[in-house]
N, C-alpha and C. Protein backbone atom coordinates (compact mmCIF):
# COMPACT_ATOMS: atom_id res chain seq x y z
N MET A 1 -13.26 149.99 51.59
CA MET A 1 -12.02 150.73 51.63
C MET A 1 -10.97 150.04 52.50
N VAL A 2 -11.37 149.06 53.29
CA VAL A 2 -10.41 148.36 54.13
C VAL A 2 -9.40 147.65 53.24
N GLY A 3 -8.12 147.78 53.58
CA GLY A 3 -7.08 147.13 52.79
C GLY A 3 -6.53 148.01 51.69
N LYS A 4 -7.11 149.19 51.50
CA LYS A 4 -6.62 150.10 50.46
C LYS A 4 -6.08 151.37 51.10
N MET A 5 -5.11 151.17 52.00
CA MET A 5 -4.52 152.31 52.69
C MET A 5 -3.52 153.00 51.77
N LYS A 6 -3.43 154.29 51.92
CA LYS A 6 -2.41 155.04 51.20
C LYS A 6 -1.09 154.84 51.93
N GLN A 7 0.02 155.03 51.21
CA GLN A 7 1.34 154.77 51.79
C GLN A 7 1.57 155.58 53.06
N TYR A 8 1.17 156.86 53.07
CA TYR A 8 1.40 157.68 54.26
C TYR A 8 0.59 157.17 55.45
N GLU A 9 -0.58 156.56 55.19
CA GLU A 9 -1.38 156.00 56.29
C GLU A 9 -0.68 154.78 56.89
N ASN A 10 -0.07 153.98 56.04
CA ASN A 10 0.67 152.81 56.50
C ASN A 10 1.86 153.24 57.35
N ILE A 11 2.59 154.24 56.90
CA ILE A 11 3.75 154.74 57.65
C ILE A 11 3.31 155.33 58.98
N GLN A 12 2.22 156.08 58.99
CA GLN A 12 1.71 156.67 60.23
C GLN A 12 1.36 155.56 61.22
N GLY A 13 0.75 154.49 60.75
CA GLY A 13 0.41 153.37 61.62
C GLY A 13 1.64 152.71 62.22
N ILE A 14 2.68 152.54 61.42
CA ILE A 14 3.93 151.96 61.91
C ILE A 14 4.54 152.85 62.99
N LEU A 15 4.54 154.16 62.75
CA LEU A 15 5.11 155.09 63.73
C LEU A 15 4.32 155.07 65.03
N MET A 16 3.00 155.02 64.93
CA MET A 16 2.17 154.99 66.14
C MET A 16 2.40 153.70 66.92
N ASP A 17 2.50 152.56 66.21
CA ASP A 17 2.75 151.28 66.87
C ASP A 17 4.10 151.29 67.57
N THR A 18 5.12 151.83 66.90
CA THR A 18 6.46 151.90 67.47
C THR A 18 6.47 152.79 68.70
N LYS A 19 5.80 153.95 68.62
CA LYS A 19 5.72 154.86 69.77
C LYS A 19 5.05 154.17 70.96
N PHE A 20 3.97 153.44 70.70
CA PHE A 20 3.26 152.72 71.76
C PHE A 20 4.19 151.70 72.43
N LEU A 21 4.90 150.93 71.61
CA LEU A 21 5.80 149.92 72.16
C LEU A 21 6.90 150.56 73.00
N MET A 22 7.47 151.65 72.52
CA MET A 22 8.56 152.31 73.24
C MET A 22 8.07 152.88 74.57
N GLN A 23 6.83 153.35 74.63
CA GLN A 23 6.30 153.97 75.84
C GLN A 23 5.77 152.97 76.85
N ASN A 24 5.37 151.79 76.41
CA ASN A 24 4.65 150.89 77.30
C ASN A 24 5.38 149.61 77.69
N TYR A 25 6.57 149.40 77.19
CA TYR A 25 7.30 148.20 77.55
C TYR A 25 8.54 148.56 78.34
N ASN A 26 9.10 147.58 79.00
CA ASN A 26 10.23 147.77 79.90
C ASN A 26 11.37 148.50 79.20
N LYS A 27 11.61 149.72 79.60
CA LYS A 27 12.65 150.54 78.97
C LYS A 27 14.05 150.13 79.43
N LYS A 28 14.13 149.29 80.44
CA LYS A 28 15.43 148.87 80.94
C LYS A 28 16.02 147.73 80.12
N SER A 29 15.24 147.15 79.25
CA SER A 29 15.70 146.03 78.45
C SER A 29 16.37 146.54 77.17
N ASN A 30 17.68 146.69 77.21
CA ASN A 30 18.41 147.16 76.04
C ASN A 30 18.29 146.18 74.88
N ASP A 31 18.25 144.89 75.18
CA ASP A 31 18.12 143.89 74.13
C ASP A 31 16.81 144.05 73.37
N LEU A 32 15.72 144.31 74.10
CA LEU A 32 14.42 144.50 73.47
C LEU A 32 14.42 145.76 72.60
N LEU A 33 15.00 146.84 73.11
CA LEU A 33 15.06 148.09 72.34
C LEU A 33 15.93 147.92 71.09
N LYS A 34 17.04 147.20 71.21
CA LYS A 34 17.90 146.95 70.05
C LYS A 34 17.17 146.11 69.00
N LEU A 35 16.43 145.11 69.46
CA LEU A 35 15.66 144.28 68.54
C LEU A 35 14.59 145.09 67.82
N LEU A 36 13.89 145.94 68.57
CA LEU A 36 12.88 146.80 67.97
C LEU A 36 13.51 147.74 66.94
N ALA A 37 14.63 148.36 67.28
CA ALA A 37 15.31 149.27 66.36
C ALA A 37 15.77 148.53 65.10
N LYS A 38 16.30 147.32 65.27
CA LYS A 38 16.75 146.52 64.13
C LYS A 38 15.58 146.20 63.20
N ASN A 39 14.44 145.81 63.77
CA ASN A 39 13.27 145.48 62.96
C ASN A 39 12.74 146.70 62.22
N VAL A 40 12.75 147.86 62.87
CA VAL A 40 12.28 149.07 62.21
C VAL A 40 13.21 149.42 61.05
N GLU A 41 14.52 149.31 61.26
CA GLU A 41 15.49 149.63 60.21
C GLU A 41 15.37 148.67 59.03
N GLU A 42 15.08 147.41 59.29
CA GLU A 42 15.01 146.41 58.22
C GLU A 42 13.70 146.44 57.45
N THR A 43 12.69 147.09 58.00
CA THR A 43 11.39 147.14 57.34
C THR A 43 11.49 148.00 56.09
N LYS A 44 11.09 147.44 54.99
CA LYS A 44 11.11 148.19 53.73
C LYS A 44 9.69 148.36 53.25
N ILE A 45 9.39 149.56 52.84
CA ILE A 45 8.03 149.87 52.37
C ILE A 45 8.04 149.93 50.86
């Protein structure tokens, strides 16, 4: 079953990864947050 994720499972994984990054990395770096936001917006499923 590995590699045969349903679309909602893939989206949930992306959201969890994004939440982890936002909570665990330097929140004072606006450039890093802007880059993360840009990458999330550009990701197409």
